[in-house]
Protein backbone atom coordinates (compact mmCIF):
# COMPACT_ATOMS: atom_id res chain seq x y z
CA UNK A 1 36.16 197.23 145.09
CA UNK A 2 35.06 195.86 148.27
CA UNK A 3 37.86 193.17 149.63
CA UNK A 4 36.33 190.01 150.71
CA UNK A 5 36.32 189.23 154.38
CA UNK A 6 38.13 185.98 155.48
CA UNK A 7 36.37 184.75 158.65
CA UNK A 8 38.56 183.31 161.65
CA UNK A 9 37.09 179.85 161.37
CA UNK A 10 37.91 179.70 157.65
CA UNK A 11 41.29 180.87 158.10
CA UNK A 12 41.90 178.17 160.70
CA UNK A 13 40.36 175.66 158.54
CA UNK A 14 42.55 176.51 155.78
CA UNK A 15 45.58 176.01 158.24
CA UNK A 16 44.88 172.59 159.02
CA UNK A 17 44.83 171.46 155.55
CA UNK A 18 48.00 170.12 154.04
CA UNK A 19 47.57 171.59 150.50
CA UNK A 20 45.35 174.84 151.32
CA UNK A 21 42.02 175.58 151.06
CA UNK A 22 39.92 174.45 148.05
CA UNK A 23 42.57 171.46 147.50
CA UNK A 24 42.84 167.93 148.28
CA UNK A 25 42.81 167.27 151.80
CA UNK A 26 45.74 164.89 152.97
CA UNK A 27 44.90 161.58 154.48
CA UNK A 28 45.40 161.74 158.25
CA UNK A 29 47.89 159.28 159.67
CA UNK A 30 47.20 155.52 160.78
CA UNK A 31 46.74 155.55 164.59
CA UNK A 32 49.83 153.59 166.36
CA UNK A 33 49.00 149.96 166.50
CA UNK A 34 48.46 148.99 170.26
CA UNK A 35 49.91 145.52 170.98
CA UNK A 36 47.18 143.16 171.88
CA UNK A 37 47.80 141.70 175.35
CA UNK A 38 48.27 137.78 175.19
CA UNK A 39 45.17 135.78 176.56
CA UNK A 40 46.46 134.15 179.80
CA UNK A 41 45.38 130.63 179.88
CA UNK A 42 48.19 128.97 181.12
CA UNK A 43 51.86 129.26 182.61
CA UNK A 44 53.61 129.91 179.14
CA UNK A 45 50.96 132.59 178.14
CA UNK A 46 51.47 134.36 181.66
CA UNK A 47 55.07 134.54 180.77
CA UNK A 48 54.41 136.10 177.48
CA UNK A 49 52.56 138.46 178.78
CA UNK A 50 55.05 139.47 181.72
CA UNK A 51 57.58 139.99 179.19
CA UNK A 52 55.15 141.80 176.83
CA UNK A 53 54.15 144.27 179.86
CA UNK A 54 57.46 145.46 180.28
CA UNK A 55 59.41 144.96 176.97
CA UNK A 56 62.81 146.64 176.63
CA UNK A 57 61.94 148.63 179.95
CA UNK A 58 62.85 145.79 182.21
CA UNK A 59 66.31 146.40 184.16
CA UNK A 60 69.47 145.09 182.94
CA UNK A 61 71.11 145.21 186.39
CA UNK A 62 70.12 145.72 190.05
CA UNK A 63 72.27 146.04 193.26
CA UNK A 64 71.52 146.38 196.70
CA UNK A 65 72.66 145.79 200.05
CA UNK A 66 70.66 143.14 201.99
CA UNK A 67 70.19 143.00 205.92
CA UNK A 68 69.54 139.75 206.56
CA UNK A 69 67.81 138.13 209.69
CA UNK A 70 68.32 134.55 210.07
CA UNK A 71 65.67 132.64 212.86
CA UNK A 72 66.73 129.46 214.36
CA UNK A 73 64.02 126.76 215.45
CA UNK A 74 64.65 127.72 219.12
CA UNK A 75 63.67 131.35 218.33
CA UNK A 76 67.11 132.91 218.15
CA UNK A 77 68.03 135.41 215.82
CA UNK A 78 71.45 136.17 214.14
CA UNK A 79 71.76 139.12 211.70
CA UNK A 80 74.22 139.65 208.71
CA UNK A 81 74.28 141.71 205.92
CA UNK A 82 75.30 141.03 202.03
CA UNK A 83 75.98 142.55 198.95
CA UNK A 84 73.84 141.74 195.98
CA UNK A 85 74.51 142.40 192.17
CA UNK A 86 72.33 141.01 189.45
CA UNK A 87 72.87 141.15 185.66
CA UNK A 88 69.63 139.59 183.91
CA UNK A 89 69.42 136.96 182.99
CA UNK A 90 70.88 134.64 185.28
CA UNK A 91 74.03 136.03 186.49
CA UNK A 92 73.84 136.94 190.67
CA UNK A 93 76.87 137.64 192.67
CA UNK A 94 76.41 137.58 196.89
CA UNK A 95 79.38 138.92 198.72
CA UNK A 96 79.31 138.50 202.40
CA UNK A 97 80.08 141.78 204.39
CA UNK A 98 82.47 143.10 205.26
CA UNK A 99 84.19 142.71 201.95
CA UNK A 100 87.60 141.80 203.56
CA UNK A 101 85.98 138.22 203.94
CA UNK A 102 86.20 137.75 200.38
CA UNK A 103 83.40 135.08 200.68
CA UNK A 104 80.21 134.57 199.22
CA UNK A 105 78.32 132.85 196.39
CA UNK A 106 78.16 133.29 192.45
CA UNK A 107 75.41 132.49 190.10
CA UNK A 108 76.89 132.73 186.73
CA UNK A 109 73.78 131.51 184.51
CA UNK A 110 74.63 127.73 184.72
CA UNK A 111 76.57 126.90 187.76
CA UNK A 112 76.66 128.16 191.25
CA UNK A 113 80.12 128.64 193.03
CA UNK A 114 80.86 129.04 196.47
CA UNK A 115 83.95 131.23 198.07
CA UNK A 116 85.35 131.26 201.29
CA UNK A 117 88.05 133.52 202.27
CA UNK A 118 88.97 134.23 198.52
CA UNK A 119 89.05 130.29 197.87
CA UNK A 120 86.62 128.46 195.54
CA UNK A 121 85.36 125.81 197.67
CA UNK A 122 82.48 124.42 195.61
CA UNK A 123 80.76 124.67 192.16
CA UNK A 124 77.61 122.74 190.96
CA UNK A 125 75.10 122.89 188.06
CA UNK A 126 72.36 125.21 189.62
CA UNK A 127 69.82 127.94 188.39
CA UNK A 128 68.41 130.49 190.81
CA UNK A 129 64.71 129.69 190.77
CA UNK A 130 63.90 132.89 192.66
CA UNK A 131 66.07 134.91 190.35
CA UNK A 132 64.55 133.24 187.48
CA UNK A 133 60.85 134.21 188.51
CA UNK A 134 61.36 137.48 189.97
CA UNK A 135 63.76 138.89 187.19
CA UNK A 136 64.85 136.55 184.21
CA UNK A 137 61.23 135.83 182.99
CA UNK A 138 60.70 139.24 181.97
CA UNK A 139 63.96 139.00 179.53
CA UNK A 140 64.58 135.59 178.41
CA UNK A 141 63.22 134.17 175.27
CA UNK A 142 59.62 132.44 176.16
CA UNK A 143 61.18 129.02 174.78
CA UNK A 144 64.02 129.28 177.34
CA UNK A 145 61.88 130.30 180.27
CA UNK A 146 59.59 127.64 179.50
CA UNK A 147 62.38 124.94 179.40
CA UNK A 148 63.82 126.37 182.59
CA UNK A 149 60.47 126.34 184.60
CA UNK A 150 59.85 122.69 183.55
CA UNK A 151 63.28 121.56 184.61
CA UNK A 152 62.77 123.12 188.04
CA UNK A 153 59.15 121.26 188.40
CA UNK A 154 56.63 123.88 187.92
CA UNK A 155 53.44 122.42 185.87
CA UNK A 156 52.81 125.39 183.26
CA UNK A 157 49.62 123.54 182.46
CA UNK A 158 48.14 124.58 185.65
CA UNK A 159 46.88 128.22 186.07
CA UNK A 160 44.25 129.25 188.35
CA UNK A 161 43.21 132.93 189.91
CA UNK A 162 43.52 133.36 193.68
CA UNK A 163 44.50 136.39 196.10
CA UNK A 164 47.66 136.87 198.22
CA UNK A 165 47.27 139.48 200.96
CA UNK A 166 44.18 140.81 199.17
CA UNK A 167 45.90 141.07 196.05
CA UNK A 168 44.51 139.32 192.89
CA UNK A 169 46.94 136.92 191.39
CA UNK A 170 47.77 134.42 189.12
CA UNK A 171 48.89 130.79 190.25
CA UNK A 172 51.00 128.49 187.97
CA UNK A 173 51.68 124.97 189.27
CA UNK A 174 49.03 123.94 192.00
CA UNK A 175 45.59 123.37 192.80
CA UNK A 176 43.70 125.70 195.35
CA UNK A 177 44.76 124.77 198.90
CA UNK A 178 47.76 123.03 197.76
CA UNK A 179 50.84 124.82 199.80
CA UNK A 180 53.64 122.38 199.08
CA UNK A 181 53.53 121.78 195.25
CA UNK A 182 56.10 123.74 193.05
CA UNK A 183 54.18 126.91 192.01
CA UNK A 184 54.73 130.73 191.65
CA UNK A 185 52.16 133.42 192.29
CA UNK A 186 51.90 136.43 189.89
CA UNK A 187 50.44 139.97 190.53
CA UNK A 188 47.28 139.87 188.09
CA UNK A 189 47.67 144.00 187.67
CA UNK A 190 51.55 144.82 187.81
CA UNK A 191 52.44 141.18 186.95
CA UNK A 192 55.01 141.09 189.30
CA UNK A 193 56.28 138.11 191.31
CA UNK A 194 54.55 137.86 194.72
CA UNK A 195 55.59 134.44 195.85
CA UNK A 196 57.54 131.17 194.83
CA UNK A 197 57.29 127.68 196.76
CA UNK A 198 59.44 124.89 195.66
CA UNK A 199 59.23 121.34 196.85
CA UNK A 200 62.87 119.73 196.50
CA UNK A 201 64.18 116.11 197.35
CA UNK A 202 67.27 116.25 199.79
CA UNK A 203 68.21 112.94 201.30
CA UNK A 204 65.46 110.98 202.14
CA UNK A 205 62.96 113.79 202.62
CA UNK A 206 61.38 116.69 200.68
CA UNK A 207 61.86 119.97 201.59
CA UNK A 208 59.51 122.93 200.56
CA UNK A 209 60.53 126.41 200.78
CA UNK A 210 58.35 129.12 200.35
CA UNK A 211 59.86 132.71 199.36
CA UNK A 212 57.52 135.78 199.37
CA UNK A 213 58.27 138.85 197.74
CA UNK A 214 56.90 142.21 199.43
CA UNK A 215 56.87 145.68 200.40
CA UNK A 216 57.23 146.99 196.43
CA UNK A 217 58.86 150.43 195.68
CA UNK A 218 58.71 151.52 192.32
CA UNK A 219 62.17 152.33 190.16
CA UNK A 220 61.37 153.75 186.94
CA UNK A 221 58.07 152.18 186.35
CA UNK A 222 59.56 148.69 187.45
CA UNK A 223 58.35 147.29 190.87
CA UNK A 224 60.99 145.96 192.92
CA UNK A 225 60.43 143.94 195.86
CA UNK A 226 62.13 145.39 199.16
CA UNK A 227 61.87 142.72 201.39
CA UNK A 228 61.81 138.92 200.88
CA UNK A 229 60.75 136.43 203.45
CA UNK A 230 61.83 132.86 203.25
CA UNK A 231 59.81 129.99 204.91
CA UNK A 232 60.88 126.47 205.34
CA UNK A 233 58.15 123.83 205.91
CA UNK A 234 55.85 126.45 207.21
CA UNK A 235 58.40 128.10 209.32
CA UNK A 236 59.72 131.66 208.85
CA UNK A 237 63.62 131.10 208.78
CA UNK A 238 65.30 134.15 206.82
CA UNK A 239 64.18 137.89 206.10
CA UNK A 240 65.74 139.98 203.51
CA UNK A 241 65.76 143.65 203.73
CA UNK A 242 66.86 145.69 200.80
CA UNK A 243 68.46 149.11 200.93
CA UNK A 244 70.61 151.21 198.63
CA UNK A 245 68.94 149.79 195.85
CA UNK A 246 70.43 150.89 192.51
CA UNK A 247 69.05 150.11 189.06
CA UNK A 248 70.82 149.84 185.79
CA UNK A 249 74.05 151.11 187.09
CA UNK A 250 77.18 149.52 185.25
CA UNK A 251 78.33 146.16 186.38
CA UNK A 252 81.63 144.99 184.84
CA UNK A 253 81.37 141.61 183.28
CA UNK A 254 84.45 140.43 185.54
CA UNK A 255 82.11 140.67 188.27
CA UNK A 256 80.42 137.35 187.26
CA UNK A 257 83.43 135.51 186.46
CA UNK A 258 84.04 132.87 188.76
CA UNK A 259 87.92 132.82 187.95
CA UNK A 260 88.18 136.74 188.73
CA UNK A 261 86.43 136.14 192.45
CA UNK A 262 88.01 138.66 194.53
């Protein structure tokens, strides 16, 4: 008797069936659901898109050394160095170097503490707006983010598209051509913070602070600004250059405890 010949094609087909040739075909698995990107129509939906884009990928801690240049009105420059440690959301410790000074500033999420030579000299309610927009919005519950932004004077009902240094961006809080109303700019591609303008009443006059985040580097897929420029009433007053950047290194909780400042 002649043995039947099984073709390679037939054999390959049999191997792909869960119950063999001639049996019932298995149902292919359903494709994984792809998250639907939020429709960005206002500031709140933009923040929702920022949270969704990075999800649990966003950093939990960030630390770096910061080389500073302070610019005076007369054109002089003063340099200094800080060490910054961040734990999102809301916690920021700035140690003025050298550490033997034991001086700096601590944001614990609701209050800002100032220390000089190891002594606590001031504590006031306060939220770091730049930290909120560049880091905390990616991890805070949306309702909490909305309340904080509103308390800082950002009008989330106003959103437009613009460009910043050639990069398409979303702008929340101000109309085109308005450079003084509180607002923040978000890169429309990476959804990274590019700029924050904050108007504050101090004494008898308004102060406009314009913070610009730039020279981004990728750390595990997260864009982090390595240079930050601060303008006051249109004049460059402070430059931050970040080096020795460390992402998600463990930072003890006591680092952000004002009672344990060292």
